[in-house]
Amino acid sequence: MRTLICGSIAYDTIMTFHDHFNNHILPEKINILNVAFLTPEMRREFGGCDGNIAYNLQMIGGSPLIMATVGDDYQPYAERMKKLGLVETHIKHVKDTFTAQAFITTDLADNQITSFHPGAMNFSHYNHITNAKNIKLGIVSPDGRNGMLQHAQEFYEAGIPFLFDPGQGLPMFSGAELHDFIRKANYVTVNDYESQLLQERTECTLQELAKLVKGLIVTKGAQGSIIFTNNKEIKIPCVKADKEIDPTGCGDAYRAGLLYGIANGMDWQTTGQLGSLMGALKISQRGGQNHNFSYEEISHRYFEFFGSHIT
């Protein structure tokens, strides 16, 4: 049985500006902003929530099945998928579009200016949950608006438990729509900022929303995470990383840990701790898919930090 991951496949182009933005942006001229930044360093990473979660879930030993839409420039990513052994059956090519991509310029103070082109992601509703077979669990992660609404409904109608992960897509939805997502979902996960926005939009507290699902998970960066379940709050510590290089994709790595724990019937403490560990392993490498650990190495790190085995 597989875990169906619905979300974006994307390219991340990261450029480095060897100065500070505030030396080139004049506050009194912000209404006629016209600037150009020389970026001698550039790299292109494979990303997107769907790709990142699947990459991490397979690393732990899970069975991810990707459902996404891509554009005419997908070939380099396709070659990577084949190399990793990730199934492409439900990756749909939308002609005359680009694969979703982010263009990120970072200055010496780690400030960022980002432009995001959704491209083929806007057509994620072309995919249907019913086309995937032998699914045990699913996740609706950031994707095209129509696709997220449709996939949540289809998971619900098919009786397949799923994790709702609105991420950066959360602002696209009204309070009523978010309520509807949560009522259909079995699990919800957001970061600290998103949890505040979720409460504002729905006019409900986290404790109230948690009563609608089996588990509501809030990640809080260096402060760890909290799992709300059965009228309890389970605090999960942040795992100290060997090196803190790049947080890009850490949330996706955490979610892979959640999916693995849920799919394998683990208790919430173990599931959250595995998610925390996966985020720490990712942060030591740039990009969302450049860290590489065997299941044995992950198990060893888990025991080293928590003093117990992954069970």
Protein backbone atom coordinates (compact mmCIF):
# COMPACT_ATOMS: atom_id res chain seq x y z
CA MET A 1 0.00 0.00 0.00
CA ARG A 2 1.29 3.43 -0.93
CA THR A 3 1.10 7.01 0.33
CA LEU A 4 -0.25 9.36 -2.35
CA ILE A 5 1.43 12.75 -2.30
CA CYS A 6 -0.46 15.58 -4.01
CA GLY A 7 1.48 18.80 -4.45
CA SER A 8 3.93 20.71 -6.57
CA ILE A 9 6.91 19.63 -8.61
CA ALA A 10 9.15 22.69 -9.02
CA TYR A 11 12.57 24.00 -9.90
CA ASP A 12 14.25 26.40 -7.46
CA THR A 13 16.76 28.80 -8.98
CA ILE A 14 18.81 30.44 -6.22
CA MET A 15 21.07 33.42 -6.91
CA THR A 16 23.44 35.22 -4.54
CA PHE A 17 23.89 39.00 -4.54
CA HIS A 18 27.25 39.92 -2.97
CA ASP A 19 25.97 43.03 -1.24
CA HIS A 20 22.95 44.17 0.79
CA PHE A 21 19.64 45.06 -0.82
CA ASN A 22 19.24 48.12 1.40
CA ASN A 23 22.33 49.66 -0.22
CA HIS A 24 20.52 49.71 -3.56
CA ILE A 25 16.88 50.28 -2.69
CA LEU A 26 16.11 53.91 -1.86
CA PRO A 27 13.15 54.14 0.55
CA GLU A 28 12.08 57.53 -0.82
CA LYS A 29 11.95 56.04 -4.37
CA ILE A 30 10.10 52.84 -3.52
CA ASN A 31 7.10 54.00 -5.59
CA ILE A 32 9.24 53.91 -8.76
CA LEU A 33 11.38 50.90 -7.90
CA ASN A 34 13.65 49.81 -10.76
CA VAL A 35 16.68 47.85 -9.62
CA ALA A 36 18.99 45.15 -10.97
CA PHE A 37 21.24 42.89 -8.91
CA LEU A 38 24.40 41.25 -10.27
CA THR A 39 24.33 37.63 -9.05
CA PRO A 40 27.58 35.84 -9.95
CA GLU A 41 26.53 32.70 -8.04
CA MET A 42 23.55 30.65 -9.19
CA ARG A 43 22.35 27.11 -8.68
CA ARG A 44 19.26 25.19 -9.70
CA GLU A 45 17.67 22.74 -7.28
CA PHE A 46 14.98 20.13 -7.66
CA GLY A 47 12.12 21.10 -5.36
CA GLY A 48 8.40 21.49 -4.86
CA CYS A 49 6.58 20.10 -1.83
CA ASP A 50 5.55 16.95 -3.69
CA GLY A 51 9.06 16.13 -4.86
CA ASN A 52 10.66 16.96 -1.52
CA ILE A 53 8.19 14.94 0.57
CA ALA A 54 8.45 11.93 -1.75
CA TYR A 55 12.26 12.09 -1.69
CA ASN A 56 12.33 12.07 2.11
CA LEU A 57 9.60 9.47 2.53
CA GLN A 58 11.39 7.04 0.25
CA MET A 59 14.63 7.66 2.18
CA ILE A 60 12.97 6.53 5.42
CA GLY A 61 11.59 3.43 3.78
CA GLY A 62 8.09 4.60 2.86
CA SER A 63 6.27 4.01 -0.42
CA PRO A 64 5.46 7.40 -1.96
CA LEU A 65 3.37 7.82 -5.07
CA ILE A 66 3.58 11.29 -6.62
CA MET A 67 0.59 13.08 -8.15
CA ALA A 68 1.51 16.38 -9.84
CA THR A 69 1.40 18.39 -13.04
CA VAL A 70 4.53 19.49 -14.92
CA GLY A 71 5.44 21.52 -17.99
CA ASP A 72 7.47 21.18 -21.18
CA ASP A 73 10.76 21.65 -19.26
CA TYR A 74 10.22 18.63 -17.01
CA GLN A 75 12.83 16.34 -18.62
CA PRO A 76 15.73 17.03 -16.20
CA TYR A 77 13.40 16.31 -13.26
CA ALA A 78 12.10 13.19 -15.05
CA GLU A 79 15.65 11.84 -15.32
CA ARG A 80 16.09 12.43 -11.60
CA MET A 81 12.84 10.62 -10.81
CA LYS A 82 13.99 7.59 -12.79
CA LYS A 83 17.37 7.63 -11.07
CA LEU A 84 15.69 7.71 -7.65
CA GLY A 85 13.20 5.00 -8.61
CA LEU A 86 10.19 7.25 -7.93
CA VAL A 87 7.05 6.25 -9.85
CA GLU A 88 5.90 8.83 -12.43
CA THR A 89 2.55 7.24 -13.33
CA HIS A 90 0.51 10.15 -11.96
CA ILE A 91 2.80 12.99 -13.03
CA LYS A 92 0.84 14.66 -15.83
CA HIS A 93 2.48 16.76 -18.54
CA VAL A 94 0.55 19.92 -19.43
CA LYS A 95 1.61 21.14 -22.87
CA ASP A 96 2.69 24.73 -23.48
CA THR A 97 3.42 25.40 -19.81
CA PHE A 98 6.51 25.58 -17.65
CA THR A 99 7.01 23.40 -14.60
CA ALA A 100 6.42 25.51 -11.47
CA GLN A 101 9.53 27.39 -10.44
CA ALA A 102 10.85 29.83 -7.89
CA PHE A 103 13.52 32.45 -8.59
CA ILE A 104 15.20 33.46 -5.34
CA THR A 105 17.81 36.19 -4.93
CA THR A 106 19.59 36.28 -1.55
CA ASP A 107 21.85 39.07 -0.25
CA LEU A 108 24.70 38.89 2.28
CA ALA A 109 22.27 39.34 5.19
CA ASP A 110 20.18 36.36 3.99
CA ASN A 111 17.34 38.66 2.94
CA GLN A 112 15.45 37.19 0.00
CA ILE A 113 13.50 38.45 -2.97
CA THR A 114 11.45 35.65 -4.52
CA SER A 115 9.33 35.37 -7.64
CA PHE A 116 7.23 32.24 -8.11
CA HIS A 117 5.72 31.06 -11.38
CA PRO A 118 3.08 28.35 -10.83
CA GLY A 119 2.95 27.22 -14.46
CA ALA A 120 1.61 23.67 -14.80
CA MET A 121 0.75 23.63 -11.09
CA ASN A 122 -2.36 25.67 -11.96
CA PHE A 123 -3.68 22.58 -13.73
CA SER A 124 -3.28 20.15 -10.82
CA HIS A 125 -7.02 19.46 -10.96
CA TYR A 126 -6.36 17.49 -14.17
CA ASN A 127 -5.28 14.66 -11.83
CA HIS A 128 -7.83 12.58 -9.92
CA ILE A 129 -7.34 10.58 -6.72
CA THR A 130 -9.49 7.78 -8.12
CA ASN A 131 -6.84 7.08 -10.78
CA ALA A 132 -4.36 5.94 -8.10
CA LYS A 133 -4.73 2.40 -6.76
CA ASN A 134 -3.80 0.69 -3.49
CA ILE A 135 -3.54 3.95 -1.54
CA LYS A 136 -3.36 3.71 2.26
CA LEU A 137 -2.78 7.37 3.10
CA GLY A 138 -2.56 10.71 1.33
CA ILE A 139 -1.47 14.31 1.71
CA VAL A 140 -2.80 17.50 0.13
CA SER A 141 0.17 19.87 0.13
CA PRO A 142 0.56 23.30 -1.57
CA ASP A 143 -0.57 23.10 -5.18
CA GLY A 144 -3.00 24.79 -7.55
CA ARG A 145 -6.08 26.09 -5.71
CA ASN A 146 -8.58 24.02 -7.69
CA GLY A 147 -6.45 20.94 -7.38
CA MET A 148 -6.20 21.21 -3.60
CA LEU A 149 -9.97 21.60 -3.25
CA GLN A 150 -10.65 18.73 -5.62
CA HIS A 151 -8.10 16.30 -4.16
CA ALA A 152 -9.34 16.85 -0.60
CA GLN A 153 -12.90 16.12 -1.74
CA GLU A 154 -11.80 13.02 -3.64
CA PHE A 155 -9.77 11.65 -0.73
CA TYR A 156 -12.80 12.20 1.50
CA GLU A 157 -15.24 10.52 -0.89
CA ALA A 158 -12.89 7.56 -1.37
CA GLY A 159 -12.55 7.10 2.39
CA ILE A 160 -8.76 7.48 2.21
CA PRO A 161 -7.32 9.21 5.31
CA PHE A 162 -5.22 12.26 4.43
CA LEU A 163 -3.06 14.98 5.89
CA PHE A 164 -3.98 18.56 5.01
CA ASP A 165 -0.83 20.67 4.62
CA PRO A 166 -1.88 24.09 3.27
CA GLY A 167 1.58 25.68 3.60
CA GLN A 168 2.12 28.78 1.52
CA GLY A 169 -1.18 28.06 -0.23
CA LEU A 170 -3.18 28.84 2.91
CA PRO A 171 -3.91 32.51 1.98
CA MET A 172 -5.77 31.32 -1.15
CA PHE A 173 -8.63 29.97 0.97
CA SER A 174 -11.38 31.58 2.98
CA GLY A 175 -12.21 30.63 6.54
CA ALA A 176 -15.17 28.54 5.36
CA GLU A 177 -13.00 26.69 2.85
CA LEU A 178 -10.33 25.99 5.46
CA HIS A 179 -13.03 24.68 7.81
CA ASP A 180 -14.20 22.36 5.05
CA PHE A 181 -10.66 21.08 4.40
CA ILE A 182 -10.19 20.32 8.10
CA ARG A 183 -13.55 18.54 8.45
CA LYS A 184 -12.63 16.25 5.55
CA ALA A 185 -9.04 15.67 6.63
CA ASN A 186 -7.84 13.25 9.31
CA TYR A 187 -4.69 15.24 10.11
CA VAL A 188 -3.57 18.86 9.68
CA THR A 189 -0.06 20.32 9.77
CA VAL A 190 1.04 23.97 9.67
CA ASN A 191 4.03 25.99 10.79
CA ASP A 192 3.87 28.61 13.54
CA TYR A 193 3.02 31.52 11.24
CA GLU A 194 0.45 29.50 9.31
CA SER A 195 -1.18 28.42 12.58
CA GLN A 196 -1.83 32.07 13.44
CA LEU A 197 -3.32 32.76 10.01
CA LEU A 198 -5.40 29.58 10.22
CA GLN A 199 -6.89 30.70 13.52
CA GLU A 200 -7.64 34.18 12.17
CA ARG A 201 -9.30 32.86 9.01
CA THR A 202 -11.40 30.19 10.74
CA GLU A 203 -12.04 32.22 13.92
CA CYS A 204 -11.21 29.08 15.91
CA THR A 205 -8.40 28.25 18.31
CA LEU A 206 -5.97 25.44 17.59
CA GLN A 207 -7.58 23.45 20.38
CA GLU A 208 -10.99 23.82 18.74
CA LEU A 209 -9.68 22.85 15.31
CA ALA A 210 -7.82 19.88 16.77
CA LYS A 211 -11.13 18.38 17.91
CA LEU A 212 -12.11 17.99 14.24
CA VAL A 213 -9.13 15.74 13.39
CA LYS A 214 -7.04 12.91 14.82
CA GLY A 215 -3.97 15.11 15.02
CA LEU A 216 -3.08 18.77 14.43
CA ILE A 217 0.65 19.41 14.19
CA VAL A 218 2.32 22.82 14.50
CA THR A 219 6.02 23.11 13.70
CA LYS A 220 7.88 25.93 15.43
CA GLY A 221 11.40 25.82 13.99
CA ALA A 222 14.10 25.85 16.68
CA GLN A 223 11.35 25.56 19.33
CA GLY A 224 10.39 22.11 18.08
CA SER A 225 6.76 21.24 17.39
CA ILE A 226 3.46 20.56 19.15
CA ILE A 227 0.97 17.83 18.34
CA PHE A 228 -2.63 18.42 19.44
CA THR A 229 -4.48 15.13 19.79
CA ASN A 230 -7.19 13.70 22.05
CA ASN A 231 -7.33 16.92 24.08
CA LYS A 232 -3.59 16.64 24.77
CA GLU A 233 -0.60 18.68 23.64
CA ILE A 234 2.49 16.60 22.93
CA LYS A 235 5.67 18.66 22.78
CA ILE A 236 8.33 17.45 20.37
CA PRO A 237 11.88 18.76 20.84
CA CYS A 238 13.95 20.21 18.02
CA VAL A 239 16.80 17.88 17.06
CA LYS A 240 20.15 19.68 17.01
CA ALA A 241 21.62 19.55 13.53
CA ASP A 242 25.28 18.89 12.77
CA LYS A 243 25.31 22.06 10.67
CA GLU A 244 22.60 24.60 9.92
CA ILE A 245 23.14 25.41 6.26
CA ASP A 246 19.75 25.86 4.58
CA PRO A 247 16.21 25.52 6.00
CA THR A 248 14.69 25.10 2.51
CA GLY A 249 12.66 21.89 2.51
CA CYS A 250 12.92 21.20 6.25
CA GLY A 251 9.15 21.36 6.61
CA ASP A 252 8.74 18.83 3.80
CA ALA A 253 11.25 16.50 5.46
CA TYR A 254 9.29 16.79 8.73
CA ARG A 255 6.06 15.94 6.90
CA ALA A 256 7.66 12.83 5.42
CA GLY A 257 8.38 11.71 8.98
CA LEU A 258 4.74 12.34 9.91
CA LEU A 259 3.46 10.33 6.95
CA TYR A 260 5.78 7.42 7.72
CA GLY A 261 4.73 7.35 11.36
CA ILE A 262 1.02 7.56 10.56
CA ALA A 263 1.22 4.91 7.81
CA ASN A 264 3.03 2.53 10.16
CA GLY A 265 0.76 3.04 13.15
CA MET A 266 3.38 4.70 15.37
CA ASP A 267 2.38 6.69 18.44
CA TRP A 268 2.41 10.47 18.17
CA GLN A 269 5.55 10.96 20.26
CA THR A 270 7.59 8.69 17.97
CA THR A 271 6.00 10.13 14.83
CA GLY A 272 6.77 13.72 15.84
CA GLN A 273 10.31 12.86 16.88
CA LEU A 274 10.95 11.18 13.54
CA GLY A 275 9.68 14.28 11.75
CA SER A 276 11.93 16.47 13.88
CA LEU A 277 14.94 14.28 13.08
CA MET A 278 14.24 14.36 9.34
CA GLY A 279 14.14 18.16 9.41
CA ALA A 280 17.50 18.27 11.21
CA LEU A 281 19.10 15.90 8.71
CA LYS A 282 17.91 18.07 5.82
CA ILE A 283 19.08 21.42 7.19
CA SER A 284 22.75 20.41 6.94
CA GLN A 285 22.58 20.50 3.11
CA ARG A 286 21.54 23.14 0.60
CA GLY A 287 18.34 22.56 -1.34
CA GLY A 288 15.45 20.26 -0.57
CA GLN A 289 16.85 17.02 -1.97
CA ASN A 290 20.63 16.92 -1.48
CA HIS A 291 20.80 15.14 1.89
CA ASN A 292 21.17 11.38 1.68
CA PHE A 293 20.91 8.93 4.57
CA SER A 294 20.16 5.22 4.74
CA TYR A 295 17.38 3.89 6.95
CA GLU A 296 20.06 2.42 9.20
CA GLU A 297 21.72 5.82 9.59
CA ILE A 298 18.39 7.46 10.36
CA SER A 299 17.59 4.77 12.94
CA HIS A 300 20.99 5.23 14.55
CA ARG A 301 20.54 9.01 14.75
CA TYR A 302 17.08 8.53 16.22
CA PHE A 303 18.40 6.25 18.96
CA GLU A 304 21.36 8.56 19.57
CA PHE A 305 19.10 11.56 20.18
CA PHE A 306 15.98 10.04 21.76
CA GLY A 307 17.40 6.93 23.44
CA SER A 308 14.82 4.61 21.87
CA HIS A 309 14.21 2.84 18.58
CA ILE A 310 11.85 3.80 15.77
CA THR A 311 8.90 1.49 16.37
